[in-house]
C-alpha cells in the first residue's frame, strides 16, 4: 500500500498596514523588546527587523 503524499501549507505574506507601522513605531519608542513587538503584531521577529530596517526605524536590541 502506498503512503499518502505529505503536503505542507505555505504561509502567505501578510501585508503591513498603516496601523501596524504606527504600533511598531510606538513600541520602539517605548523601548519594547523585538519579540514582544513581533508577538503583538502577529509576525516573526525577523519580519519585524526587516520592516524596521527598510523604514529606517532603529532601536537597541
Protein backbone atom coordinates (compact mmCIF):
# COMPACT_ATOMS: atom_id res chain seq x y z
CA UNK A 1 0.00 0.00 0.00
CA UNK A 2 1.42 3.38 -1.00
CA UNK A 3 1.88 6.12 1.57
CA UNK A 4 -0.18 9.24 1.16
CA UNK A 5 1.86 12.20 -0.03
CA UNK A 6 2.50 14.65 2.78
CA UNK A 7 1.59 18.20 1.89
CA UNK A 8 2.72 21.33 3.65
CA UNK A 9 0.94 24.63 3.79
CA UNK A 10 2.94 27.65 2.84
CA UNK A 11 2.32 30.73 4.91
CA UNK A 12 1.12 33.66 2.93
CA UNK A 13 2.67 37.07 3.31
CA UNK A 14 0.62 39.40 5.47
CA UNK A 15 0.77 42.98 4.16
CA UNK A 16 1.85 45.75 6.52
CA UNK A 17 -0.92 48.19 7.33
CA UNK A 18 -0.59 51.79 8.49
CA UNK A 19 -1.80 50.65 11.91
CA UNK A 20 0.97 48.01 12.07
CA UNK A 21 3.61 50.62 11.29
CA UNK A 22 2.20 53.01 13.87
CA UNK A 23 2.24 50.28 16.51
CA UNK A 24 5.81 49.36 15.56
CA UNK A 25 7.00 52.95 15.90
CA UNK A 26 5.20 53.42 19.23
CA UNK A 27 6.60 50.25 20.73
CA UNK A 28 10.12 51.10 19.58
CA UNK A 29 9.79 54.49 21.29
CA UNK A 30 8.70 52.67 24.45
CA UNK A 31 11.84 50.50 24.15
CA UNK A 32 9.90 47.25 23.86
CA UNK A 33 11.78 44.08 23.05
CA UNK A 34 11.68 42.84 19.47
CA UNK A 35 10.00 39.58 20.40
CA UNK A 36 7.26 41.48 22.26
CA UNK A 37 6.64 43.69 19.22
CA UNK A 38 6.57 40.65 16.94
CA UNK A 39 4.03 38.88 19.14
CA UNK A 40 1.82 41.98 19.35
CA UNK A 41 1.85 42.35 15.54
CA UNK A 42 1.43 38.62 14.88
CA UNK A 43 4.64 38.44 12.86
CA UNK A 44 8.04 36.82 13.15
CA UNK A 45 10.93 38.63 14.79
CA UNK A 46 12.82 38.57 11.51
CA UNK A 47 9.89 40.18 9.66
CA UNK A 48 9.77 42.99 12.23
CA UNK A 49 13.53 43.57 11.98
CA UNK A 50 13.44 43.67 8.18
CA UNK A 51 10.50 46.08 8.07
CA UNK A 52 12.05 48.35 10.69
CA UNK A 53 15.31 48.38 8.77
CA UNK A 54 13.61 49.20 5.46
CA UNK A 55 11.61 52.03 7.04
CA UNK A 56 14.60 53.47 8.89
CA UNK A 57 13.28 52.59 12.35
CA UNK A 58 16.15 51.78 14.69
CA UNK A 59 16.24 50.56 18.25
CA UNK A 60 18.73 48.96 20.58
CA UNK A 61 18.16 45.24 20.97
